Amino acid sequence: MSDKQLLHIVIGGELKDVAGTEFRDLSKVEFVGAYATYNDAHAAWKAKAQATVDNAHARYFIIHAHKLLDPSVA
């Protein structure tokens, strides 16, 4: 297992259309947090997704920011 930090960002909010990924209002997109492991990011994503289950337009995403910063990282 690598000790290298991998940056994962969790964001979310209401989408314009439940079939898409375009947010209704970018100024209201929630930054949930930045995490060093996928497992930590997934736990945060899952908690937010479960907390908003009654809102069909609410979606949360895990962004693998380490891949954007350094595309050679798997």
Protein backbone atom coordinates (compact mmCIF):
# COMPACT_ATOMS: atom_id res chain seq x y z
CA MET A 1 0.00 0.00 0.00
CA SER A 2 1.30 3.42 -0.95
CA ASP A 3 1.73 6.18 1.62
CA LYS A 4 1.27 8.80 -1.09
CA GLN A 5 -1.61 11.17 -0.44
CA LEU A 6 -4.39 11.01 -3.04
CA LEU A 7 -6.74 14.00 -3.08
CA HIS A 8 -10.46 13.27 -3.30
CA ILE A 9 -13.02 16.09 -3.14
CA VAL A 10 -16.70 15.60 -2.31
CA ILE A 11 -19.19 18.18 -3.60
CA GLY A 12 -22.90 18.25 -4.21
CA GLY A 13 -26.14 20.10 -4.52
CA GLU A 14 -29.34 20.24 -6.51
CA LEU A 15 -29.23 19.32 -10.18
CA LYS A 16 -31.30 20.95 -12.94
CA ASP A 17 -32.34 17.52 -14.18
CA VAL A 18 -32.06 14.22 -12.29
CA ALA A 19 -30.72 12.56 -15.45
CA GLY A 20 -27.82 15.00 -15.78
CA THR A 21 -24.91 16.44 -13.85
CA GLU A 22 -25.56 20.17 -14.29
CA PHE A 23 -26.17 21.98 -11.00
CA ARG A 24 -29.24 24.18 -10.61
CA ASP A 25 -27.22 27.00 -9.00
CA LEU A 26 -23.40 26.86 -8.86
CA SER A 27 -23.35 29.40 -6.03
CA LYS A 28 -25.15 26.83 -3.87
CA VAL A 29 -22.88 23.84 -4.61
CA GLU A 30 -21.74 22.43 -1.29
CA PHE A 31 -18.09 21.64 -0.68
CA VAL A 32 -18.31 18.68 1.69
CA GLY A 33 -14.57 18.18 2.08
CA ALA A 34 -11.19 17.05 0.82
CA TYR A 35 -9.98 13.57 1.72
CA ALA A 36 -6.69 11.71 1.41
CA THR A 37 -8.28 8.33 0.71
CA TYR A 38 -11.14 7.13 -1.43
CA ASN A 39 -12.63 5.28 1.55
CA ASP A 40 -12.83 8.50 3.59
CA ALA A 41 -14.34 10.38 0.63
CA HIS A 42 -16.85 7.58 0.05
CA ALA A 43 -17.94 7.67 3.70
CA ALA A 44 -18.52 11.44 3.47
CA TRP A 45 -20.33 11.06 0.13
CA LYS A 46 -22.55 8.30 1.52
CA ALA A 47 -23.48 10.33 4.60
CA LYS A 48 -24.49 13.36 2.49
CA ALA A 49 -26.35 11.20 -0.04
CA GLN A 50 -28.32 9.48 2.73
CA ALA A 51 -29.07 12.81 4.44
CA THR A 52 -30.62 14.17 1.23
CA VAL A 53 -32.47 11.03 0.11
CA ASP A 54 -35.82 12.87 0.23
CA ASN A 55 -34.65 15.40 -2.39
CA ALA A 56 -34.65 13.70 -5.79
CA HIS A 57 -32.58 16.51 -7.33
CA ALA A 58 -29.78 16.39 -4.73
CA ARG A 59 -26.61 14.61 -5.87
CA TYR A 60 -23.14 14.34 -4.41
CA PHE A 61 -19.99 13.44 -6.29
CA ILE A 62 -16.47 12.26 -5.51
CA ILE A 63 -13.90 14.04 -7.65
CA HIS A 64 -10.58 12.23 -7.99
CA ALA A 65 -8.61 15.48 -7.89
CA HIS A 66 -5.25 13.68 -7.73
CA LYS A 67 -5.91 12.46 -11.29
CA LEU A 68 -6.53 16.03 -12.43
CA LEU A 69 -3.40 17.34 -10.72
CA ASP A 70 -1.17 14.52 -11.94
CA PRO A 71 -2.66 12.37 -14.75
CA SER A 72 0.13 9.80 -14.34
CA VAL A 73 -1.28 8.82 -10.92
CA ALA A 74 -3.51 5.75 -11.05
